[in-house]
C-alpha atoms as a PDB file:
ATOM      1  CA  UNK A   1      91.806 -41.185 103.393  1.00  0.00           C
ATOM      2  CA  UNK A   2      92.598 -39.083 106.550  1.00  0.00           C
ATOM      3  CA  UNK A   3      90.806 -39.361 109.707  1.00  0.00           C
ATOM      4  CA  UNK A   4      90.893 -36.343 112.059  1.00  0.00           C
ATOM      5  CA  UNK A   5      89.800 -37.052 115.449  1.00  0.00           C
ATOM      6  CA  UNK A   6      89.021 -34.247 118.025  1.00  0.00           C
ATOM      7  CA  UNK A   7      91.099 -33.544 121.185  1.00  0.00           C
ATOM      8  CA  UNK A   8      89.358 -31.984 123.940  1.00  0.00           C
ATOM      9  CA  UNK A   9      90.189 -32.167 127.365  1.00  0.00           C
ATOM     10  CA  UNK A  10      86.937 -31.897 129.808  1.00  0.00           C
ATOM     11  CA  UNK A  11      87.276 -30.602 133.250  1.00  0.00           C
ATOM     12  CA  UNK A  12      87.477 -32.969 135.759  1.00  0.00           C
ATOM     13  CA  UNK A  13      87.386 -32.775 139.567  1.00  0.00           C
ATOM     14  CA  UNK A  14      90.809 -33.415 141.639  1.00  0.00           C
ATOM     15  CA  UNK A  15      88.449 -36.713 143.005  1.00  0.00           C
ATOM     16  CA  UNK A  16      87.996 -37.698 139.348  1.00  0.00           C
ATOM     17  CA  UNK A  17      91.869 -38.305 139.068  1.00  0.00           C
ATOM     18  CA  UNK A  18      91.869 -40.784 141.703  1.00  0.00           C
ATOM     19  CA  UNK A  19      90.508 -43.628 139.200  1.00  0.00           C
ATOM     20  CA  UNK A  20      89.102 -41.985 136.200  1.00  0.00           C
ATOM     21  CA  UNK A  21      90.215 -45.177 134.327  1.00  0.00           C
ATOM     22  CA  UNK A  22      88.590 -47.629 136.150  1.00  0.00           C
ATOM     23  CA  UNK A  23      85.506 -46.155 136.803  1.00  0.00           C
ATOM     24  CA  UNK A  24      84.538 -45.953 133.195  1.00  0.00           C
ATOM     25  CA  UNK A  25      85.749 -49.515 132.167  1.00  0.00           C
ATOM     26  CA  UNK A  26      82.886 -51.515 131.130  1.00  0.00           C
ATOM     27  CA  UNK A  27      83.756 -54.711 133.241  1.00  0.00           C
ATOM     28  CA  UNK A  28      81.832 -57.169 130.463  1.00  0.00           C
ATOM     29  CA  UNK A  29      84.086 -55.560 127.670  1.00  0.00           C
ATOM     30  CA  UNK A  30      87.126 -55.823 129.748  1.00  0.00           C
ATOM     31  CA  UNK A  31      86.584 -59.034 130.499  1.00  0.00           C
ATOM     32  CA  UNK A  32      86.212 -60.504 126.481  1.00  0.00           C
ATOM     33  CA  UNK A  33      88.772 -57.684 125.075  1.00  0.00           C
ATOM     34  CA  UNK A  34      89.195 -57.702 121.190  1.00  0.00           C
ATOM     35  CA  UNK A  35      92.028 -59.433 119.525  1.00  0.00           C
ATOM     36  CA  UNK A  36      93.472 -56.125 118.776  1.00  0.00           C
ATOM     37  CA  UNK A  37      93.182 -55.041 122.419  1.00  0.00           C
ATOM     38  CA  UNK A  38      94.574 -58.598 123.610  1.00  0.00           C
ATOM     39  CA  UNK A  39      97.522 -58.359 121.329  1.00  0.00           C
ATOM     40  CA  UNK A  40      98.299 -54.838 122.773  1.00  0.00           C
ATOM     41  CA  UNK A  41      97.906 -55.588 126.307  1.00  0.00           C
ATOM     42  CA  UNK A  42      99.792 -58.762 126.063  1.00  0.00           C
ATOM     43  CA  UNK A  43     103.079 -56.801 125.164  1.00  0.00           C
ATOM     44  CA  UNK A  44     102.513 -54.217 128.104  1.00  0.00           C
ATOM     45  CA  UNK A  45     103.811 -54.706 132.070  1.00  0.00           C
ATOM     46  CA  UNK A  46     100.283 -54.913 133.071  1.00  0.00           C
ATOM     47  CA  UNK A  47      97.384 -56.439 131.179  1.00  0.00           C
ATOM     48  CA  UNK A  48      94.498 -55.854 133.449  1.00  0.00           C
ATOM     49  CA  UNK A  49      95.331 -51.878 133.679  1.00  0.00           C
ATOM     50  CA  UNK A  50      95.866 -52.158 130.000  1.00  0.00           C
ATOM     51  CA  UNK A  51      92.536 -53.673 129.174  1.00  0.00           C
ATOM     52  CA  UNK A  52      90.534 -51.603 132.062  1.00  0.00           C
ATOM     53  CA  UNK A  53      92.316 -48.227 130.335  1.00  0.00           C
ATOM     54  CA  UNK A  54      91.463 -48.683 127.135  1.00  0.00           C
ATOM     55  CA  UNK A  55      87.810 -49.803 127.687  1.00  0.00           C
ATOM     56  CA  UNK A  56      87.352 -46.816 129.472  1.00  0.00           C
ATOM     57  CA  UNK A  57      86.856 -45.263 126.208  1.00  0.00           C
ATOM     58  CA  UNK A  58      83.217 -46.863 124.536  1.00  0.00           C
ATOM     59  CA  UNK A  59      84.842 -46.562 121.210  1.00  0.00           C
ATOM     60  CA  UNK A  60      87.577 -49.596 122.052  1.00  0.00           C
ATOM     61  CA  UNK A  61      85.132 -52.436 120.838  1.00  0.00           C
ATOM     62  CA  UNK A  62      85.093 -51.324 117.544  1.00  0.00           C
ATOM     63  CA  UNK A  63      88.643 -49.654 117.347  1.00  0.00           C
ATOM     64  CA  UNK A  64      91.202 -50.316 114.704  1.00  0.00           C
ATOM     65  CA  UNK A  65      94.858 -49.793 115.302  1.00  0.00           C
ATOM     66  CA  UNK A  66      94.592 -46.022 114.437  1.00  0.00           C
ATOM     67  CA  UNK A  67      91.529 -45.584 116.783  1.00  0.00           C
ATOM     68  CA  UNK A  68      93.150 -47.447 119.522  1.00  0.00           C
ATOM     69  CA  UNK A  69      96.220 -45.333 119.327  1.00  0.00           C
ATOM     70  CA  UNK A  70      94.185 -42.090 119.471  1.00  0.00           C
ATOM     71  CA  UNK A  71      92.365 -43.654 122.921  1.00  0.00           C
ATOM     72  CA  UNK A  72      95.661 -44.592 124.230  1.00  0.00           C
ATOM     73  CA  UNK A  73      97.365 -41.267 123.579  1.00  0.00           C
ATOM     74  CA  UNK A  74      94.333 -39.300 124.590  1.00  0.00           C
ATOM     75  CA  UNK A  75      94.373 -41.167 128.036  1.00  0.00           C
ATOM     76  CA  UNK A  76      97.757 -40.558 128.622  1.00  0.00           C
ATOM     77  CA  UNK A  77      97.578 -36.904 127.607  1.00  0.00           C
ATOM     78  CA  UNK A  78      94.473 -36.212 129.985  1.00  0.00           C
ATOM     79  CA  UNK A  79      95.842 -37.943 132.568  1.00  0.00           C
ATOM     80  CA  UNK A  80      98.967 -35.896 132.520  1.00  0.00           C
ATOM     81  CA  UNK A  81      97.072 -32.663 131.820  1.00  0.00           C
ATOM     82  CA  UNK A  82      94.824 -33.662 134.826  1.00  0.00           C
ATOM     83  CA  UNK A  83      97.588 -34.364 137.369  1.00  0.00           C
ATOM     84  CA  UNK A  84      99.669 -31.380 136.482  1.00  0.00           C
ATOM     85  CA  UNK A  85      96.519 -29.137 136.068  1.00  0.00           C
ATOM     86  CA  UNK A  86      94.467 -29.948 139.268  1.00  0.00           C
ATOM     87  CA  UNK A  87      96.714 -32.541 141.534  1.00  0.00           C
ATOM     88  CA  UNK A  88      99.459 -30.783 141.777  1.00  0.00           C
ATOM     89  CA  UNK A  89      98.587 -27.323 142.086  1.00  0.00           C
ATOM     90  CA  UNK A  90      96.278 -28.248 144.630  1.00  0.00           C
ATOM     91  CA  UNK A  91      99.143 -30.029 146.635  1.00  0.00           C
ATOM     92  CA  UNK A  92     101.474 -26.690 146.036  1.00  0.00           C
ATOM     93  CA  UNK A  93      99.083 -24.449 147.287  1.00  0.00           C
ATOM     94  CA  UNK A  94      98.558 -26.631 150.469  1.00  0.00           C
ATOM     95  CA  UNK A  95     102.318 -26.754 151.358  1.00  0.00           C
ATOM     96  CA  UNK A  96     104.224 -24.901 153.474  1.00  0.00           C
ATOM     97  CA  UNK A  97     107.314 -26.798 153.316  1.00  0.00           C
ATOM     98  CA  UNK A  98     110.149 -25.126 150.953  1.00  0.00           C
ATOM     99  CA  UNK A  99     111.666 -28.527 150.148  1.00  0.00           C
ATOM    100  CA  UNK A 100     108.320 -30.158 149.396  1.00  0.00           C
ATOM    101  CA  UNK A 101     107.474 -27.327 147.177  1.00  0.00           C
ATOM    102  CA  UNK A 102     110.612 -27.392 145.181  1.00  0.00           C
ATOM    103  CA  UNK A 103     110.066 -31.244 144.580  1.00  0.00           C
ATOM    104  CA  UNK A 104     106.237 -30.618 143.833  1.00  0.00           C
ATOM    105  CA  UNK A 105     107.559 -27.783 141.168  1.00  0.00           C
ATOM    106  CA  UNK A 106     109.914 -30.208 139.494  1.00  0.00           C
ATOM    107  CA  UNK A 107     107.136 -32.664 139.108  1.00  0.00           C
ATOM    108  CA  UNK A 108     104.863 -29.732 137.669  1.00  0.00           C
ATOM    109  CA  UNK A 109     107.554 -29.172 135.124  1.00  0.00           C
ATOM    110  CA  UNK A 110     107.931 -32.902 134.373  1.00  0.00           C
ATOM    111  CA  UNK A 111     104.157 -33.252 133.768  1.00  0.00           C
ATOM    112  CA  UNK A 112     104.306 -30.132 131.373  1.00  0.00           C
ATOM    113  CA  UNK A 113     106.576 -32.068 129.392  1.00  0.00           C
ATOM    114  CA  UNK A 114     104.700 -35.354 129.304  1.00  0.00           C
ATOM    115  CA  UNK A 115     101.709 -33.119 128.224  1.00  0.00           C
ATOM    116  CA  UNK A 116     103.626 -31.354 125.863  1.00  0.00           C
ATOM    117  CA  UNK A 117     105.118 -34.831 124.295  1.00  0.00           C
ATOM    118  CA  UNK A 118     101.728 -36.459 124.150  1.00  0.00           C
ATOM    119  CA  UNK A 119     100.005 -33.573 122.446  1.00  0.00           C
ATOM    120  CA  UNK A 120     102.596 -33.657 119.833  1.00  0.00           C
ATOM    121  CA  UNK A 121     101.832 -37.621 119.540  1.00  0.00           C
ATOM    122  CA  UNK A 122      98.210 -36.478 119.371  1.00  0.00           C
ATOM    123  CA  UNK A 123      99.114 -34.172 116.324  1.00  0.00           C
ATOM    124  CA  UNK A 124     101.202 -36.719 114.646  1.00  0.00           C
ATOM    125  CA  UNK A 125      98.568 -39.254 114.826  1.00  0.00           C
ATOM    126  CA  UNK A 126      96.163 -36.754 113.018  1.00  0.00           C
ATOM    127  CA  UNK A 127      98.934 -36.233 110.212  1.00  0.00           C
ATOM    128  CA  UNK A 128      99.478 -39.898 110.045  1.00  0.00           C
ATOM    129  CA  UNK A 129     103.153 -39.506 111.141  1.00  0.00           C
ATOM    130  CA  UNK A 130     103.793 -42.660 113.089  1.00  0.00           C
ATOM    131  CA  UNK A 131     107.563 -43.115 113.328  1.00  0.00           C
ATOM    132  CA  UNK A 132     108.128 -40.662 116.282  1.00  0.00           C
ATOM    133  CA  UNK A 133     105.435 -41.836 118.657  1.00  0.00           C
ATOM    134  CA  UNK A 134     107.082 -44.528 120.590  1.00  0.00           C
ATOM    135  CA  UNK A 135     109.784 -42.206 121.251  1.00  0.00           C
ATOM    136  CA  UNK A 136     107.410 -39.200 122.405  1.00  0.00           C
ATOM    137  CA  UNK A 137     105.453 -41.874 124.541  1.00  0.00           C
ATOM    138  CA  UNK A 138     108.669 -42.813 126.003  1.00  0.00           C
ATOM    139  CA  UNK A 139     109.577 -39.196 126.900  1.00  0.00           C
ATOM    140  CA  UNK A 140     106.393 -38.545 128.746  1.00  0.00           C
ATOM    141  CA  UNK A 141     107.210 -42.002 130.392  1.00  0.00           C
ATOM    142  CA  UNK A 142     110.480 -40.712 131.431  1.00  0.00           C
ATOM    143  CA  UNK A 143     108.966 -37.335 132.857  1.00  0.00           C
ATOM    144  CA  UNK A 144     107.155 -39.569 135.577  1.00  0.00           C
ATOM    145  CA  UNK A 145     110.235 -41.267 136.166  1.00  0.00           C
ATOM    146  CA  UNK A 146     111.789 -37.949 136.838  1.00  0.00           C
ATOM    147  CA  UNK A 147     108.960 -36.929 138.973  1.00  0.00           C
ATOM    148  CA  UNK A 148     109.231 -39.882 140.983  1.00  0.00           C
ATOM    149  CA  UNK A 149     112.946 -39.492 141.237  1.00  0.00           C
ATOM    150  CA  UNK A 150     112.471 -36.110 142.902  1.00  0.00           C
ATOM    151  CA  UNK A 151     110.770 -37.712 146.043  1.00  0.00           C
ATOM    152  CA  UNK A 152     113.479 -39.907 146.986  1.00  0.00           C
ATOM    153  CA  UNK A 153     113.983 -40.485 150.377  1.00  0.00           C
ATOM    154  CA  UNK A 154     109.973 -39.602 151.256  1.00  0.00           C
ATOM    155  CA  UNK A 155     108.292 -42.583 152.514  1.00  0.00           C
ATOM    156  CA  UNK A 156     104.895 -41.887 150.888  1.00  0.00           C
ATOM    157  CA  UNK A 157     105.518 -39.855 147.371  1.00  0.00           C
ATOM    158  CA  UNK A 158     102.510 -37.997 146.933  1.00  0.00           C
ATOM    159  CA  UNK A 159     102.668 -39.096 142.996  1.00  0.00           C
ATOM    160  CA  UNK A 160     103.568 -42.466 143.559  1.00  0.00           C
ATOM    161  CA  UNK A 161     100.667 -44.034 142.095  1.00  0.00           C
ATOM    162  CA  UNK A 162      99.935 -41.413 139.594  1.00  0.00           C
ATOM    163  CA  UNK A 163     103.528 -41.553 138.121  1.00  0.00           C
ATOM    164  CA  UNK A 164     102.865 -45.090 137.633  1.00  0.00           C
ATOM    165  CA  UNK A 165      99.727 -45.031 135.836  1.00  0.00           C
ATOM    166  CA  UNK A 166     101.388 -42.111 133.632  1.00  0.00           C
ATOM    167  CA  UNK A 167     104.113 -44.485 133.004  1.00  0.00           C
ATOM    168  CA  UNK A 168     101.736 -47.502 131.933  1.00  0.00           C
ATOM    169  CA  UNK A 169      99.456 -45.646 130.094  1.00  0.00           C
ATOM    170  CA  UNK A 170     102.599 -44.275 128.152  1.00  0.00           C
ATOM    171  CA  UNK A 171     103.493 -47.624 127.521  1.00  0.00           C
ATOM    172  CA  UNK A 172     100.228 -48.969 125.900  1.00  0.00           C
ATOM    173  CA  UNK A 173     100.759 -45.668 123.733  1.00  0.00           C
ATOM    174  CA  UNK A 174     104.353 -46.736 122.404  1.00  0.00           C
ATOM    175  CA  UNK A 175     103.007 -50.505 122.337  1.00  0.00           C
ATOM    176  CA  UNK A 176     100.340 -49.370 119.943  1.00  0.00           C
ATOM    177  CA  UNK A 177     102.844 -47.157 117.944  1.00  0.00           C
ATOM    178  CA  UNK A 178     105.029 -50.187 117.266  1.00  0.00           C
ATOM    179  CA  UNK A 179     102.106 -51.760 115.350  1.00  0.00           C
ATOM    180  CA  UNK A 180     102.120 -48.642 112.776  1.00  0.00           C
ATOM    181  CA  UNK A 181     106.098 -49.281 112.295  1.00  0.00           C
ATOM    182  CA  UNK A 182     106.660 -53.113 112.833  1.00  0.00           C
ATOM    183  CA  UNK A 183     109.167 -52.554 115.641  1.00  0.00           C
ATOM    184  CA  UNK A 184     109.205 -54.604 118.473  1.00  0.00           C
END
């Protein structure tokens, strides 16, 4: 039985980007995650972030691994897309420094690559093709690393925490993908 999940990206204001994951997380549900969420999140670098991210979606308490994969890749996609389309775009409009502008353009391209790979992962899920999911999540994660590297030497990189969030969201997707392929 093929299950198709719709994938639409709602409009979110730049303020939404600051903490879109934590605002929607249900504290009660996140305090007692399901066995599957617990298993996945214990394999990530930040258990609390993982649980709160997954529980920002109301489907999580009843999710099987397939639905949880859709949730995680959807969160990563939405995060990357919003950062590129709203946050980076706003920073680009408001900078007068050529150097800073160049660095932000680098990040814009990196996030475009992340969005593309996460969309590809989502399409693979819809076609029940699982073997490339972890690799696609890794490529999207590497794009956030590259963006972070673009701001080496800057004391407060403008995308520091956002790059970290995307990296952690991709890690969740990659961890769930390994449930399908049996790799560790």
